[in-house]
Protein backbone atom coordinates (compact mmCIF):
# COMPACT_ATOMS: atom_id res chain seq x y z
CA UNK A 1 62.84 208.82 12.97
CA UNK A 2 66.70 208.75 12.97
CA UNK A 3 68.23 205.27 13.63
CA UNK A 4 71.53 203.83 13.33
CA UNK A 5 70.68 201.58 10.27
CA UNK A 6 73.34 203.31 8.41
CA UNK A 7 75.89 202.43 6.01
CA UNK A 8 79.34 203.73 5.98
CA UNK A 9 81.73 204.58 3.01
CA UNK A 10 85.07 206.12 3.07
CA UNK A 11 88.53 205.72 1.91
CA UNK A 12 90.80 206.28 4.90
CA UNK A 13 90.50 210.07 4.42
CA UNK A 14 86.95 210.96 4.62
CA UNK A 15 83.96 209.05 5.59
CA UNK A 16 80.18 209.36 5.15
CA UNK A 17 77.24 207.71 6.47
CA UNK A 18 74.12 206.92 4.19
CA UNK A 19 70.74 206.20 5.81
CA UNK A 20 68.34 203.56 4.33
CA UNK A 21 66.79 206.13 2.02
CA UNK A 22 70.09 206.92 0.24
CA UNK A 23 70.51 210.28 2.25
CA UNK A 24 74.14 211.17 3.36
CA UNK A 25 73.44 212.22 6.98
CA UNK A 26 76.92 212.83 8.22
CA UNK A 27 80.11 213.50 6.96
CA UNK A 28 83.28 215.46 7.59
CA UNK A 29 85.53 217.52 5.18
CA UNK A 30 88.44 217.48 4.24
CA UNK A 31 89.27 214.60 6.55
CA UNK A 32 87.81 212.23 9.27
CA UNK A 33 87.92 215.00 11.98
CA UNK A 34 86.74 217.70 9.79
CA UNK A 35 83.88 220.14 9.43
CA UNK A 36 80.80 218.30 9.61
CA UNK A 37 79.33 219.62 6.57
CA UNK A 38 76.67 216.81 6.64
CA UNK A 39 75.32 217.10 10.11
CA UNK A 40 71.58 216.09 10.04
CA UNK A 41 71.84 213.14 11.97
CA UNK A 42 72.68 215.28 14.92
CA UNK A 43 69.87 217.95 13.90
CA UNK A 44 66.86 216.41 15.82
CA UNK A 45 63.99 214.94 13.81
CA UNK A 46 63.48 217.62 11.23
CA UNK A 47 62.79 216.50 7.49
CA UNK A 48 63.92 218.13 4.33
CA UNK A 49 60.32 219.29 4.02
CA UNK A 50 60.87 221.01 7.16
CA UNK A 51 63.64 222.91 5.94
CA UNK A 52 66.45 220.25 7.15
CA UNK A 53 69.89 221.31 6.20
CA UNK A 54 73.14 219.49 6.28
CA UNK A 55 72.29 216.55 4.15
CA UNK A 56 72.64 215.02 0.49
CA UNK A 57 69.35 213.39 -0.27
CA UNK A 58 68.07 211.66 -3.56
CA UNK A 59 64.28 211.54 -2.98
CA UNK A 60 62.33 209.20 -5.27
CA UNK A 61 58.95 210.77 -5.78
CA UNK A 62 56.24 208.65 -4.43
CA UNK A 63 58.82 206.52 -2.96
CA UNK A 64 57.42 203.12 -1.61
CA UNK A 65 60.33 201.26 -0.10
CA UNK A 66 64.05 200.90 -0.31
CA UNK A 67 66.88 198.07 0.15
CA UNK A 68 70.28 198.49 0.97
CA UNK A 69 73.48 196.40 0.37
CA UNK A 70 77.21 196.53 0.13
CA UNK A 71 78.90 195.18 -3.03
CA UNK A 72 80.52 192.14 -2.03
CA UNK A 73 84.15 192.32 -0.43
CA UNK A 74 84.04 196.13 -0.57
CA UNK A 75 83.10 199.57 0.85
CA UNK A 76 80.76 200.58 -2.02
CA UNK A 77 77.03 200.99 -0.94
CA UNK A 78 74.18 200.32 -3.06
CA UNK A 79 70.73 201.56 -2.31
CA UNK A 80 67.56 200.56 -4.49
CA UNK A 81 64.54 202.59 -4.26
CA UNK A 82 61.19 201.57 -5.44
CA UNK A 83 58.02 203.82 -6.33
CA UNK A 84 54.48 203.24 -6.26
CA UNK A 85 54.46 203.20 -10.04
CA UNK A 86 56.91 200.44 -10.74
CA UNK A 87 59.82 202.73 -10.98
CA UNK A 88 63.26 201.53 -9.58
CA UNK A 89 66.26 203.66 -9.09
CA UNK A 90 69.62 202.37 -7.93
CA UNK A 91 72.21 204.61 -6.01
CA UNK A 92 75.80 203.50 -5.85
CA UNK A 93 77.88 205.31 -3.27
CA UNK A 94 81.69 205.39 -2.50
CA UNK A 95 84.80 207.25 -1.74
CA UNK A 96 87.19 206.60 -4.42
CA UNK A 97 90.53 204.75 -3.19
CA UNK A 98 92.84 202.82 -5.31
CA UNK A 99 96.76 202.44 -6.18
CA UNK A 100 98.41 204.68 -8.73
CA UNK A 101 101.92 205.38 -9.26
CA UNK A 102 103.19 203.30 -6.15
CA UNK A 103 100.97 205.28 -3.78
CA UNK A 104 97.44 205.19 -2.55
CA UNK A 105 94.82 207.80 -3.92
CA UNK A 106 92.25 208.69 -1.57
CA UNK A 107 90.88 212.13 -2.44
CA UNK A 108 88.23 213.98 -0.43
CA UNK A 109 85.43 213.11 -2.63
CA UNK A 110 82.16 210.92 -2.63
CA UNK A 111 80.71 209.68 -5.68
CA UNK A 112 77.11 208.82 -6.40
CA UNK A 113 75.97 206.98 -9.35
CA UNK A 114 72.17 207.06 -9.99
CA UNK A 115 70.69 204.45 -12.53
CA UNK A 116 67.20 204.25 -13.57
CA UNK A 117 66.41 200.43 -13.47
CA UNK A 118 62.59 200.22 -14.43
CA UNK A 119 59.73 202.59 -15.16
CA UNK A 120 59.71 206.32 -15.31
CA UNK A 121 60.99 207.21 -11.76
CA UNK A 122 61.07 211.07 -11.02
CA UNK A 123 64.03 212.21 -8.70
CA UNK A 124 64.48 215.19 -6.59
CA UNK A 125 68.19 216.04 -5.50
CA UNK A 126 68.68 218.03 -2.46
CA UNK A 127 72.29 218.87 -1.82
CA UNK A 128 72.54 221.11 1.39
CA UNK A 129 75.81 221.28 2.75
CA UNK A 130 76.69 223.46 5.98
CA UNK A 131 79.90 224.70 7.33
CA UNK A 132 81.28 225.54 10.56
CA UNK A 133 79.69 222.16 11.95
CA UNK A 134 76.13 223.31 10.77
CA UNK A 135 76.29 226.80 11.69
CA UNK A 136 76.80 228.39 8.09
CA UNK A 137 75.20 228.09 5.02
CA UNK A 138 77.41 228.29 1.89
CA UNK A 139 77.22 230.86 -0.88
CA UNK A 140 76.33 228.92 -4.04
CA UNK A 141 77.81 229.50 -7.70
CA UNK A 142 77.40 227.51 -10.77
CA UNK A 143 79.02 226.50 -13.97
CA UNK A 144 77.56 224.46 -16.86
CA UNK A 145 78.34 221.17 -15.37
CA UNK A 146 79.31 221.92 -11.42
CA UNK A 147 77.95 223.99 -8.52
CA UNK A 148 80.31 225.25 -5.85
CA UNK A 149 79.39 225.54 -2.24
CA UNK A 150 81.61 228.11 -0.75
CA UNK A 151 82.71 229.29 2.75
CA UNK A 152 85.50 231.29 4.00
CA UNK A 153 87.36 227.97 5.23
CA UNK A 154 86.70 225.70 2.39
CA UNK A 155 84.72 225.09 -0.94
CA UNK A 156 83.00 222.03 -2.17
CA UNK A 157 82.38 221.37 -5.79
CA UNK A 158 79.59 218.92 -7.22
CA UNK A 159 80.47 217.92 -10.65
CA UNK A 160 77.57 216.38 -12.68
CA UNK A 161 75.84 215.35 -15.79
CA UNK A 162 72.34 216.02 -14.22
CA UNK A 163 70.67 219.30 -14.78
CA UNK A 164 72.43 221.82 -12.54
CA UNK A 165 69.57 224.16 -12.30
CA UNK A 166 67.27 221.24 -11.04
CA UNK A 167 69.72 220.58 -8.53
CA UNK A 168 69.74 223.99 -7.30
CA UNK A 169 66.00 224.59 -7.28
CA UNK A 170 65.64 221.11 -5.98
CA UNK A 171 63.01 220.42 -8.63
CA UNK A 172 61.92 216.68 -9.75
CA UNK A 173 62.83 215.45 -13.04
CA UNK A 174 62.27 212.17 -14.92
CA UNK A 175 65.52 209.96 -14.27
CA UNK A 176 65.55 208.64 -17.99
CA UNK A 177 69.35 208.04 -18.08
CA UNK A 178 72.24 207.44 -15.67
CA UNK A 179 73.57 210.41 -13.73
CA UNK A 180 76.81 210.88 -11.95
CA UNK A 181 77.52 213.15 -8.98
CA UNK A 182 80.92 213.65 -7.78
CA UNK A 183 81.41 215.89 -4.67
CA UNK A 184 84.66 216.94 -3.38
CA UNK A 185 87.28 219.71 -3.37
CA UNK A 186 86.95 222.79 -5.47
CA UNK A 187 89.03 221.09 -8.44
CA UNK A 188 87.95 220.62 -12.14
CA UNK A 189 87.88 216.77 -13.23
CA UNK A 190 90.69 216.03 -15.89
CA UNK A 191 88.15 213.93 -17.85
CA UNK A 192 84.54 213.60 -18.90
CA UNK A 193 82.40 213.24 -15.94
CA UNK A 194 80.82 209.69 -17.11
CA UNK A 195 84.26 208.27 -17.86
CA UNK A 196 85.68 209.49 -14.58
CA UNK A 197 82.89 208.10 -12.48
CA UNK A 198 83.17 204.82 -14.20
CA UNK A 199 86.89 204.70 -13.82
CA UNK A 200 86.74 205.68 -10.18
CA UNK A 201 84.45 202.99 -9.37
CA UNK A 202 86.21 200.29 -11.32
CA UNK A 203 89.36 201.16 -9.42
CA UNK A 204 87.92 201.34 -6.07
CA UNK A 205 86.19 197.90 -6.32
CA UNK A 206 89.18 196.29 -7.51
CA UNK A 207 91.19 197.86 -4.54
CA UNK A 208 88.83 196.62 -1.92
CA UNK A 209 88.37 193.29 -3.33
CA UNK A 210 92.36 192.54 -3.81
CA UNK A 211 92.39 194.03 -0.13
CA UNK A 212 89.85 191.60 1.23
CA UNK A 213 91.42 188.77 -0.93
CA UNK A 214 94.74 189.01 1.21
CA UNK A 215 92.83 188.72 4.63
CA UNK A 216 93.39 185.50 6.51
CA UNK A 217 89.67 185.01 7.72
CA UNK A 218 88.00 182.20 9.66
CA UNK A 219 86.03 179.59 7.79
CA UNK A 220 82.85 180.32 9.79
CA UNK A 221 81.01 184.00 9.65
CA UNK A 222 83.13 185.02 6.69
CA UNK A 223 80.84 187.96 5.70
CA UNK A 224 80.70 189.39 9.29
CA UNK A 225 84.53 189.32 9.68
CA UNK A 226 85.09 190.84 6.40
CA UNK A 227 82.59 193.58 6.71
CA UNK A 228 84.01 194.36 10.21
CA UNK A 229 87.64 194.31 8.90
CA UNK A 230 86.78 196.73 6.10
CA UNK A 231 84.80 198.98 8.53
CA UNK A 232 87.93 199.05 11.01
CA UNK A 233 90.17 200.05 8.15
CA UNK A 234 87.58 203.15 7.15
CA UNK A 235 88.49 204.37 10.73
CA UNK A 236 92.02 204.63 9.78
CA UNK A 237 93.33 207.93 8.97
CA UNK A 238 96.01 206.52 6.78
CA UNK A 239 98.00 209.78 6.04
CA UNK A 240 99.50 209.59 9.50
CA UNK A 241 98.45 206.13 10.68
CA UNK A 242 95.92 207.25 13.44
CA UNK A 243 92.79 205.16 14.05
CA UNK A 244 89.62 207.03 15.21
CA UNK A 245 87.36 205.42 17.73
CA UNK A 246 84.17 205.92 15.74
CA UNK A 247 83.36 208.21 12.64
CA UNK A 248 80.81 210.66 14.58
CA UNK A 249 80.52 212.63 17.47
CA UNK A 250 77.62 212.78 20.05
CA UNK A 251 75.37 210.03 19.08
CA UNK A 252 74.24 209.53 22.91
CA UNK A 253 75.03 206.19 24.68
CA UNK A 254 71.37 206.42 25.82
CA UNK A 255 68.47 208.68 25.67
CA UNK A 256 68.48 211.82 27.93
CA UNK A 257 71.68 210.55 29.32
CA UNK A 258 74.09 213.60 28.10
CA UNK A 259 76.80 210.96 27.64
CA UNK A 260 77.40 212.45 24.13
CA UNK A 261 81.07 212.41 23.34
CA UNK A 262 83.38 213.13 20.12
CA UNK A 263 85.04 209.99 19.04
CA UNK A 264 86.67 211.33 16.04
CA UNK A 265 90.13 211.04 17.72
CA UNK A 266 92.79 208.43 18.35
CA UNK A 267 92.47 206.69 21.76
CA UNK A 268 95.88 204.75 22.46
CA UNK A 269 94.01 201.93 24.08
CA UNK A 270 91.25 201.74 21.32
CA UNK A 271 93.86 201.77 18.74
CA UNK A 272 95.58 198.86 20.12
CA UNK A 273 92.51 196.70 20.17
CA UNK A 274 92.00 197.57 16.44
CA UNK A 275 95.73 196.63 15.64
CA UNK A 276 95.42 193.46 17.38
CA UNK A 277 92.43 192.39 15.45
CA UNK A 278 93.38 193.12 11.92
CA UNK A 279 96.74 191.65 12.86
CA UNK A 280 94.78 188.47 13.25
CA UNK A 281 93.63 188.81 9.84
CA UNK A 282 97.12 189.56 8.41
CA UNK A 283 96.33 193.17 7.72
CA UNK A 284 99.69 194.39 9.09
CA UNK A 285 100.09 197.32 6.85
CA UNK A 286 97.68 199.13 9.30
CA UNK A 287 100.08 198.32 12.17
CA UNK A 288 102.96 199.65 10.39
CA UNK A 289 101.37 202.98 9.79
CA UNK A 290 100.16 203.20 13.25
CA UNK A 291 103.73 202.49 14.58
CA UNK A 292 104.76 205.45 12.71
CA UNK A 293 102.17 207.63 14.38
CA UNK A 294 102.89 206.46 17.86
CA UNK A 295 106.66 206.83 17.05
CA UNK A 296 106.33 210.27 16.77
CA UNK A 297 104.03 210.75 19.82
CA UNK A 298 106.69 209.03 21.87
CA UNK A 299 109.53 210.98 20.58
CA UNK A 300 107.74 214.14 21.67
CA UNK A 301 107.08 212.80 25.29
CA UNK A 302 110.47 213.70 26.53
CA UNK A 303 109.36 212.48 30.15
CA UNK A 304 107.68 209.36 28.91
CA UNK A 305 104.20 210.76 29.85
CA UNK A 306 101.46 210.01 27.30
CA UNK A 307 98.05 211.50 26.95
CA UNK A 308 95.12 208.70 26.68
CA UNK A 309 93.96 210.46 23.05
CA UNK A 310 95.36 212.30 20.48
CA UNK A 311 94.04 214.14 17.27
CA UNK A 312 94.52 212.46 14.15
CA UNK A 313 97.58 214.38 13.27
CA UNK A 314 99.01 213.98 16.90
CA UNK A 315 97.00 217.30 18.22
CA UNK A 316 97.42 217.38 22.14
CA UNK A 317 94.66 220.32 22.70
CA UNK A 318 91.33 218.67 22.19
CA UNK A 319 89.27 221.01 24.20
CA UNK A 320 85.49 220.33 24.45
CA UNK A 321 82.92 222.69 23.25
CA UNK A 322 79.11 222.45 22.72
CA UNK A 323 77.50 223.11 19.27
CA UNK A 324 74.45 224.89 20.52
CA UNK A 325 72.73 225.31 16.90
CA UNK A 326 72.46 221.37 16.47
CA UNK A 327 69.58 219.71 18.57
CA UNK A 328 71.41 216.40 18.60
CA UNK A 329 70.54 212.86 17.57
CA UNK A 330 66.73 212.49 18.18
CA UNK A 331 67.09 215.85 20.08
CA UNK A 332 69.16 214.22 22.68
CA UNK A 333 71.71 216.88 23.15
CA UNK A 334 74.24 218.14 23.51
CA UNK A 335 76.44 218.11 20.66
CA UNK A 336 80.18 218.25 21.45
CA UNK A 337 83.38 218.90 19.31
CA UNK A 338 86.64 217.89 21.07
CA UNK A 339 87.01 215.55 23.98
CA UNK A 340 88.40 216.58 27.71
CA UNK A 341 89.68 213.19 27.95
CA UNK A 342 92.95 214.46 26.58
CA UNK A 343 93.62 216.10 29.92
CA UNK A 344 92.88 212.75 31.90
CA UNK A 345 95.33 210.56 33.65
CA UNK A 346 94.72 207.05 32.18
CA UNK A 347 97.76 204.71 33.18
CA UNK A 348 96.81 202.03 30.68
CA UNK A 349 98.24 203.78 27.75
CA UNK A 350 101.80 202.57 28.44
CA UNK A 351 100.87 199.12 28.10
CA UNK A 352 98.39 199.88 24.83
CA UNK A 353 101.41 201.31 22.97
CA UNK A 354 103.67 198.34 24.05
CA UNK A 355 101.14 195.83 23.01
CA UNK A 356 100.60 197.44 19.67
CA UNK A 357 104.33 197.55 19.27
CA UNK A 358 105.36 194.03 20.29
CA UNK A 359 104.11 192.12 16.89
CA UNK A 360 106.51 194.29 15.15
CA UNK A 361 109.43 192.17 16.82
CA UNK A 362 107.99 188.88 15.87
CA UNK A 363 106.52 189.25 12.37
CA UNK A 364 109.05 188.68 9.62
CA UNK A 365 106.64 189.75 6.98
CA UNK A 366 106.77 193.54 7.83
CA UNK A 367 109.09 195.91 5.72
CA UNK A 368 110.22 197.47 8.89
CA UNK A 369 110.54 194.82 11.83
CA UNK A 370 111.15 196.14 15.32
CA UNK A 371 114.56 196.80 16.32
CA UNK A 372 116.77 198.40 18.98
CA UNK A 373 115.61 202.13 18.38
CA UNK A 374 112.03 200.83 18.88
CA UNK A 375 112.79 198.85 21.77
CA UNK A 376 114.55 201.82 23.45
CA UNK A 377 111.51 203.96 22.97
CA UNK A 378 109.13 201.58 24.61
CA UNK A 379 111.47 200.91 27.49
CA UNK A 380 110.80 204.80 28.27
CA UNK A 381 107.18 203.78 28.38
CA UNK A 382 107.91 200.66 30.53
CA UNK A 383 109.46 202.83 33.10
CA UNK A 384 106.75 205.00 33.21
CA UNK A 385 104.41 202.13 33.57
CA UNK A 386 106.25 200.89 36.63
CA UNK A 387 106.11 204.44 38.17
CA UNK A 388 102.35 204.85 37.77
CA UNK A 389 100.75 201.11 38.03
CA UNK A 390 99.61 201.77 41.48
CA UNK A 391 98.57 205.24 40.90
CA UNK A 392 95.00 206.53 40.78
CA UNK A 393 93.66 207.47 37.07
CA UNK A 394 90.41 207.97 35.19
CA UNK A 395 90.39 204.40 34.37
CA UNK A 396 89.44 202.73 31.10
CA UNK A 397 85.87 204.11 31.46
CA UNK A 398 87.08 207.69 31.55
CA UNK A 399 85.51 208.68 34.80
CA UNK A 400 85.55 212.52 34.97
CA UNK A 401 85.53 213.06 38.79
CA UNK A 402 86.39 209.84 40.20
CA UNK A 403 89.73 208.52 40.55
CA UNK A 404 91.11 205.33 41.95
CA UNK A 405 93.80 202.72 41.29
CA UNK A 406 91.98 200.75 38.76
CA UNK A 407 92.77 197.00 38.02
CA UNK A 408 92.81 197.30 34.38
CA UNK A 409 95.14 200.39 34.15
CA UNK A 410 97.49 198.29 36.50
CA UNK A 411 97.30 194.97 34.71
CA UNK A 412 98.13 197.01 31.29
CA UNK A 413 101.31 198.53 33.02
CA UNK A 414 102.24 194.98 33.93
CA UNK A 415 101.67 193.87 30.25
CA UNK A 416 104.20 196.71 29.24
CA UNK A 417 106.99 194.93 31.64
CA UNK A 418 105.92 191.37 30.33
CA UNK A 419 106.16 192.28 26.46
CA UNK A 420 109.30 194.11 27.15
CA UNK A 421 110.91 191.15 28.78
CA UNK A 422 109.96 188.88 25.88
CA UNK A 423 110.89 191.57 23.20
CA UNK A 424 114.29 191.70 25.09
CA UNK A 425 114.85 188.06 25.31
CA UNK A 426 114.01 187.78 21.45
CA UNK A 427 116.59 190.57 20.76
CA UNK A 428 119.23 188.81 22.71
CA UNK A 429 119.50 191.30 25.54
CA UNK A 430 119.45 189.18 28.51
CA UNK A 431 120.28 191.62 31.14
CA UNK A 432 117.17 193.85 29.97
CA UNK A 433 114.99 190.67 29.59
CA UNK A 434 115.88 189.96 33.53
CA UNK A 435 115.22 193.31 34.53
CA UNK A 436 111.83 193.55 32.87
CA UNK A 437 110.90 190.04 33.92
CA UNK A 438 111.66 191.16 37.80
CA UNK A 439 109.77 194.28 37.25
CA UNK A 440 106.67 192.21 35.63
CA UNK A 441 106.64 189.75 38.33
CA UNK A 442 106.74 192.53 41.29
CA UNK A 443 103.95 194.19 39.49
CA UNK A 444 101.84 190.99 39.17
CA UNK A 445 102.23 190.06 42.80
CA UNK A 446 101.09 193.52 43.97
CA UNK A 447 98.16 193.60 41.76
CA UNK A 448 97.10 190.11 42.79
CA UNK A 449 97.26 191.02 46.53
CA UNK A 450 95.38 194.30 46.07
CA UNK A 451 92.90 193.76 43.25
CA UNK A 452 91.92 190.11 44.45
CA UNK A 453 89.00 190.26 47.08
CA UNK A 454 88.57 186.98 48.95
CA UNK A 455 85.33 187.94 50.74
CA UNK A 456 83.64 188.13 47.19
CA UNK A 457 85.72 185.74 45.51
CA UNK A 458 86.56 187.77 42.64
CA UNK A 459 89.06 190.41 41.25
CA UNK A 460 87.69 193.84 41.44
CA UNK A 461 87.76 196.98 39.36
CA UNK A 462 89.86 198.81 41.72
CA UNK A 463 92.69 198.21 44.31
CA UNK A 464 91.21 197.06 47.67
CA UNK A 465 87.45 197.43 46.17
CA UNK A 466 84.40 195.54 45.92
CA UNK A 467 82.95 196.72 42.37
CA UNK A 468 83.47 194.83 39.15
CA UNK A 469 83.64 195.94 35.70
CA UNK A 470 83.94 194.45 32.26
CA UNK A 471 87.62 194.58 31.75
CA UNK A 472 88.21 192.00 34.36
CA UNK A 473 87.07 189.57 31.61
CA UNK A 474 90.41 190.39 29.89
CA UNK A 475 92.75 189.01 32.58
CA UNK A 476 93.32 185.89 30.71
CA UNK A 477 93.24 187.68 27.01
CA UNK A 478 96.19 189.86 28.23
CA UNK A 479 98.10 186.76 29.73
CA UNK A 480 97.76 187.99 33.28
CA UNK A 481 96.16 184.88 34.34
CA UNK A 482 95.73 181.38 32.94
CA UNK A 483 92.31 180.29 31.74
CA UNK A 484 92.36 177.58 34.27
CA UNK A 485 93.21 179.82 37.37
CA UNK A 486 90.42 179.47 39.64
CA UNK A 487 90.53 183.06 40.41
CA UNK A 488 90.03 183.81 36.53
CA UNK A 489 86.89 181.21 36.40
CA UNK A 490 85.34 182.72 39.50
CA UNK A 491 85.91 186.51 38.24
CA UNK A 492 84.28 185.50 35.01
CA UNK A 493 81.07 184.21 36.74
CA UNK A 494 81.09 187.14 39.10
CA UNK A 495 81.32 189.62 36.46
CA UNK A 496 78.45 187.92 34.51
CA UNK A 497 76.11 187.56 37.59
CA UNK A 498 76.75 191.38 38.36
CA UNK A 499 76.89 192.86 34.99
CA UNK A 500 74.92 190.72 32.55
CA UNK A 501 71.19 192.01 31.37
CA UNK A 502 69.65 189.61 28.74
CA UNK A 503 72.24 188.86 26.32
CA UNK A 504 74.75 191.78 26.93
CA UNK A 505 76.86 193.25 29.91
CA UNK A 506 77.17 196.63 31.19
CA UNK A 507 80.60 198.17 31.63
CA UNK A 508 79.94 198.43 35.42
CA UNK A 509 76.89 198.76 37.64
CA UNK A 510 77.80 201.60 39.89
CA UNK A 511 76.87 205.00 39.45
CA UNK A 512 79.33 207.53 37.86
CA UNK A 513 79.27 211.23 36.90
CA UNK A 514 76.26 210.95 34.96
CA UNK A 515 74.23 208.32 37.21
CA UNK A 516 74.02 204.50 36.47
CA UNK A 517 74.61 203.45 32.80
CA UNK A 518 71.41 202.82 30.86
CA UNK A 519 72.78 200.80 28.18
CA UNK A 520 75.09 197.78 27.67
CA UNK A 521 78.65 198.44 26.10
CA UNK A 522 78.76 196.22 23.11
CA UNK A 523 82.32 195.16 23.37
CA UNK A 524 81.65 193.71 26.93
CA UNK A 525 79.56 190.90 25.70
CA UNK A 526 82.50 189.83 23.16
CA UNK A 527 84.96 189.76 26.13
CA UNK A 528 82.59 187.59 27.95
CA UNK A 529 82.25 185.26 24.89
CA UNK A 530 85.97 185.23 24.61
CA UNK A 531 86.43 184.38 28.40
CA UNK A 532 83.78 181.51 28.03
CA UNK A 533 85.65 180.18 25.04
CA UNK A 534 88.90 180.23 26.98
CA UNK A 535 87.14 178.33 29.90
CA UNK A 536 85.99 175.65 27.52
CA UNK A 537 82.35 176.57 27.35
CA UNK A 538 82.36 176.84 23.68
CA UNK A 539 78.85 175.65 22.90
CA UNK A 540 77.51 178.45 25.12
CA UNK A 541 80.02 181.05 23.80
CA UNK A 542 79.00 180.11 20.27
CA UNK A 543 75.31 180.54 21.01
CA UNK A 544 75.72 183.72 22.52
CA UNK A 545 78.07 184.84 19.63
CA UNK A 546 75.20 184.04 16.93
CA UNK A 547 72.69 186.02 19.14
CA UNK A 548 74.80 189.11 19.32
CA UNK A 549 75.64 188.94 15.41
CA UNK A 550 71.83 188.76 14.93
CA UNK A 551 71.75 192.54 16.68
CA UNK A 552 73.98 193.99 14.05
CA UNK A 553 72.12 196.63 11.84
CA UNK A 554 71.07 195.57 8.37
CA UNK A 555 74.66 196.21 6.91
CA UNK A 556 76.47 194.26 9.56
CA UNK A 557 77.43 197.09 11.51
CA UNK A 558 77.54 198.06 15.28
CA UNK A 559 77.54 201.10 17.37
CA UNK A 560 78.95 201.45 20.75
CA UNK A 561 76.11 200.58 22.85
CA UNK A 562 72.77 198.69 22.86
CA UNK A 563 69.73 198.57 24.85
CA UNK A 564 69.50 195.27 26.02
CA UNK A 565 65.82 195.32 26.25
CA UNK A 566 64.93 195.89 22.84
CA UNK A 567 68.07 195.63 20.88
CA UNK A 568 68.25 199.39 19.60
CA UNK A 569 71.77 200.53 18.83
CA UNK A 570 73.03 203.79 20.66
CA UNK A 571 76.30 205.49 20.92
CA UNK A 572 78.85 206.71 18.25
CA UNK A 573 78.83 204.82 14.88
CA UNK A 574 80.41 202.82 13.74
CA UNK A 575 82.17 201.56 16.93
CA UNK A 576 86.03 200.40 16.36
CA UNK A 577 85.84 198.49 19.71
CA UNK A 578 82.43 196.65 18.70
CA UNK A 579 83.78 195.54 15.36
CA UNK A 580 87.03 194.39 17.09
CA UNK A 581 85.06 192.29 19.40
CA UNK A 582 83.30 190.58 16.43
CA UNK A 583 86.43 189.60 14.66
CA UNK A 584 88.23 188.25 17.81
CA UNK A 585 85.22 186.19 18.76
CA UNK A 586 84.88 184.98 15.16
CA UNK A 587 88.62 183.83 14.80
CA UNK A 588 88.58 182.26 18.32
CA UNK A 589 85.36 180.27 17.90
CA UNK A 590 85.38 179.29 14.10
CA UNK A 591 86.06 175.89 12.97
CA UNK A 592 89.15 175.61 11.11
CA UNK A 593 88.97 174.93 7.32
CA UNK A 594 90.76 171.46 8.16
CA UNK A 595 87.86 170.44 10.37
CA UNK A 596 85.33 171.24 7.72
CA UNK A 597 87.13 169.68 4.64
């Protein structure tokens, strides 16, 4: 049965998901949002013996069990397979990434190094890519050391020192020496197969360990934070600076829910949270790249109006279509390509962009710190925020047929004004600072009047409403309310009472376009833990954090949703929101190095 006990490999250009048996079950070429040439994750419950396609498996004959781990402080995954006869095989998977000639090399390639460790293991290699998102089988041609998988749109080439005929015929063979499998673009290697594979491995391992070494990590939960940081980085399409919400499409939020969405795009809101988390760890380069991305978006938005989501090269047309020939994760379809959220009005986007950019004005480590041109761009967004803060929108949960004035969207518009006032003061622009402070104060007063419900003693999800949602837990994190404000204290307790089930929190409890949510949204419990810490309930926050950490998959990763009853992960994977929440809670709750030493 398919599960989300998966590992992710990638290089900020492509990524692939590898299951616990060492099979590549998801991967897009030639970039993160490209053709899903490995799509078996979304092809129901078929196996290779049933004729399953869209996968790259290394099958150990008479396999007994397997274990899996990442090489420390890297995005290199190692799977070890054991057979019934004492044979052991080790698979090392990675996507090459390293610095060369003052630039980062990140080819659309995955490397699989297979090594016999003990005994006489027999291996069957099944490489079955599909094109057109799983609809088209490739033509296959071969050479002495390569196999080409050809479609009209693109060609993949496997270069290997394994027996090519055995791979094409999927015939088992005794693995009596190490083999290398390099799958990527239709280009010949410039060196020997073994030498190239070894060189790519060493360079990639050194790159990730150097990147990790530069992180400012908390004392506690270091392994969890490092894994989360690397995972966030793998969701960064570095060529343009875009950050995808997840690496998959259509893994449902819950069984039979039809809440199946394509998350391989850049939501401005999600990207802000990623940037904020990585900045906390000192990984500021990702923010600089993202600022280039949004700079182009803002320049193109002549009226200052932004969409909530963009393609990773700033595409604005992401029309949704159903891929009928894929049955879906565990047969829970539909499988969707594209996302209609690009047509929605989500007014929080203006605050999201301003928040993401604010750090640039205050961090002197940056090669290109914020200056007047960026501030002038952000003012255009601030003007738009003032104009729409009290207008109906789809809200942060992207309701498809229900519009309202959502408190979170309004507060994010307030943050745009608040941060612009602070940036203007920092730049010595006293008149602009006064203007934005007055705008922020006006919005703050209206939001408090319209979103606070004295009858229930809590802020509410919408103006003049009665329902609650988990974004209300962010009122202090966004500096809208002080932690000791009685209204914030009351709201945190009300949200927990209304939305908490077991150790997790739902986004909201009311019905939406698809009925009532059946699974908890993982980021919400991290928001709750942060709120508890802000309220001084540190022991309670730490205990809950440890409980949530135990629900990660075996490799330390999280998806979007979780069933609070049995702890099963659901939703697109790996989810940036969830990994962001882990980092934020760990940095807030950890003892300092000084406290320990």
